[in-house]
C-alpha cells in the first residue's frame, strides 16, 4: 500500500487575451510518502518505510470562452521526481514514486 501527501507552489507567466487566456510556468511540490507491505506469501517478510518526496515540473493552461461567464480550461504538466520512494519486496521493486510524470486536466470555470 502506497500513500502520500504533498503541497506545491508554482509561478506562471500569462496572457490576458480575451478570447483565449493562457499561462505557462514552473511548479515545485514537496511531500511525504509512506508504503506498507502486505505480502500474499507468508514466506515473504513484510516491511514499511516512509520518506520525503520532491517533484519539479512545467505547467501550461489555456482557457476557451464558452459564453460571457463560462470557460473551458485545459491544463498540461510534465516533470520529474527529484526525490522519491522505492518500496521493495524480496529485493525487487514492488511500488514507489519516481521517474518522469505527466498530468492532463480538463475543467469548467464560471466567472461571477
Protein backbone atom coordinates (compact mmCIF):
# COMPACT_ATOMS: atom_id res chain seq x y z
CA UNK A 1 0.00 0.00 0.00
CA UNK A 2 1.41 3.39 -1.03
CA UNK A 3 0.11 6.74 0.20
CA UNK A 4 1.38 10.29 0.01
CA UNK A 5 0.58 13.87 1.00
CA UNK A 6 2.11 16.87 -0.74
CA UNK A 7 1.86 20.62 -1.24
CA UNK A 8 3.25 22.67 -4.08
CA UNK A 9 3.87 26.17 -5.25
CA UNK A 10 4.01 27.46 -8.81
CA UNK A 11 4.98 30.60 -10.71
CA UNK A 12 3.47 31.37 -14.11
CA UNK A 13 3.50 33.98 -16.85
CA UNK A 14 0.14 34.53 -18.52
CA UNK A 15 -1.55 36.16 -21.45
CA UNK A 16 -4.71 38.21 -20.91
CA UNK A 17 -6.04 37.58 -24.43
CA UNK A 18 -9.82 37.99 -24.01
CA UNK A 19 -10.75 35.06 -26.28
CA UNK A 20 -8.12 32.55 -25.09
CA UNK A 21 -6.16 33.40 -21.92
CA UNK A 22 -3.13 31.16 -21.36
CA UNK A 23 -0.30 30.67 -18.87
CA UNK A 24 2.96 28.74 -18.62
CA UNK A 25 5.16 28.26 -15.60
CA UNK A 26 7.09 26.06 -13.21
CA UNK A 27 5.92 24.10 -10.15
CA UNK A 28 7.74 22.52 -7.22
CA UNK A 29 5.95 20.05 -4.98
CA UNK A 30 7.20 18.68 -1.65
CA UNK A 31 5.64 15.97 0.42
CA UNK A 32 5.88 12.77 2.40
CA UNK A 33 5.11 9.25 1.18
CA UNK A 34 4.74 6.01 3.09
CA UNK A 35 4.43 2.41 1.98
CA UNK A 36 3.32 -0.65 3.92
CA UNK A 37 3.96 -4.18 2.66
CA UNK A 38 1.24 -6.80 2.87
CA UNK A 39 2.64 -9.92 1.19
CA UNK A 40 0.43 -12.73 -0.11
CA UNK A 41 3.12 -15.34 0.50
CA UNK A 42 3.82 -15.97 4.22
CA UNK A 43 7.48 -16.64 3.37
CA UNK A 44 7.88 -13.01 2.24
CA UNK A 45 8.86 -10.61 5.01
CA UNK A 46 6.63 -7.52 5.34
CA UNK A 47 8.15 -4.07 5.82
CA UNK A 48 7.17 -0.41 5.95
CA UNK A 49 9.02 2.76 5.01
CA UNK A 50 8.41 6.47 4.55
CA UNK A 51 10.32 9.38 3.10
CA UNK A 52 10.45 12.90 1.67
CA UNK A 53 9.31 13.45 -1.94
CA UNK A 54 10.17 16.31 -4.30
CA UNK A 55 8.75 16.88 -7.80
CA UNK A 56 9.67 19.66 -10.27
CA UNK A 57 7.52 20.31 -13.33
CA UNK A 58 6.50 22.71 -16.09
CA UNK A 59 2.81 23.57 -16.44
CA UNK A 60 0.66 25.20 -19.06
CA UNK A 61 -3.01 26.13 -19.30
CA UNK A 62 -5.41 27.53 -21.87
CA UNK A 63 -8.97 28.77 -21.33
CA UNK A 64 -11.55 28.95 -24.10
CA UNK A 65 -14.61 31.20 -23.76
CA UNK A 66 -17.92 29.31 -23.96
CA UNK A 67 -20.05 32.41 -23.41
CA UNK A 68 -19.97 35.55 -21.30
CA UNK A 69 -19.36 33.77 -17.97
CA UNK A 70 -18.31 30.19 -18.82
CA UNK A 71 -14.83 28.95 -19.76
CA UNK A 72 -13.40 25.55 -20.69
CA UNK A 73 -9.94 25.03 -19.18
CA UNK A 74 -7.19 22.69 -20.46
CA UNK A 75 -4.08 22.02 -18.35
CA UNK A 76 -0.91 20.05 -19.05
CA UNK A 77 2.03 19.31 -16.75
CA UNK A 78 5.29 17.42 -17.28
CA UNK A 79 8.06 16.92 -14.77
CA UNK A 80 10.38 14.61 -12.89
CA UNK A 81 10.52 13.20 -9.37
CA UNK A 82 13.77 14.51 -7.86
CA UNK A 83 13.38 12.69 -4.52
CA UNK A 84 11.11 9.67 -4.40
CA UNK A 85 10.35 6.46 -2.58
CA UNK A 86 11.26 2.92 -3.63
CA UNK A 87 9.43 0.12 -1.79
CA UNK A 88 10.95 -3.33 -2.29
CA UNK A 89 9.87 -6.92 -1.63
CA UNK A 90 12.42 -9.73 -1.80
CA UNK A 91 14.95 -7.25 -3.22
CA UNK A 92 12.61 -6.35 -6.11
CA UNK A 93 10.80 -3.05 -6.57
CA UNK A 94 7.15 -3.53 -5.56
CA UNK A 95 5.92 0.07 -5.77
CA UNK A 96 7.19 3.59 -5.41
CA UNK A 97 7.23 7.19 -6.51
CA UNK A 98 9.94 8.05 -9.02
CA UNK A 99 10.86 8.99 -12.57
CA UNK A 100 9.04 11.17 -15.10
CA UNK A 101 5.48 12.37 -14.54
CA UNK A 102 2.75 13.71 -16.82
CA UNK A 103 -0.62 15.25 -15.95
CA UNK A 104 -3.55 16.45 -18.04
CA UNK A 105 -6.62 18.33 -16.84
CA UNK A 106 -9.94 19.49 -18.21
CA UNK A 107 -12.28 21.80 -16.30
CA UNK A 108 -15.17 24.20 -16.46
CA UNK A 109 -14.91 27.69 -14.93
CA UNK A 110 -17.59 30.27 -14.24
CA UNK A 111 -16.88 33.95 -13.67
CA UNK A 112 -19.49 35.68 -11.45
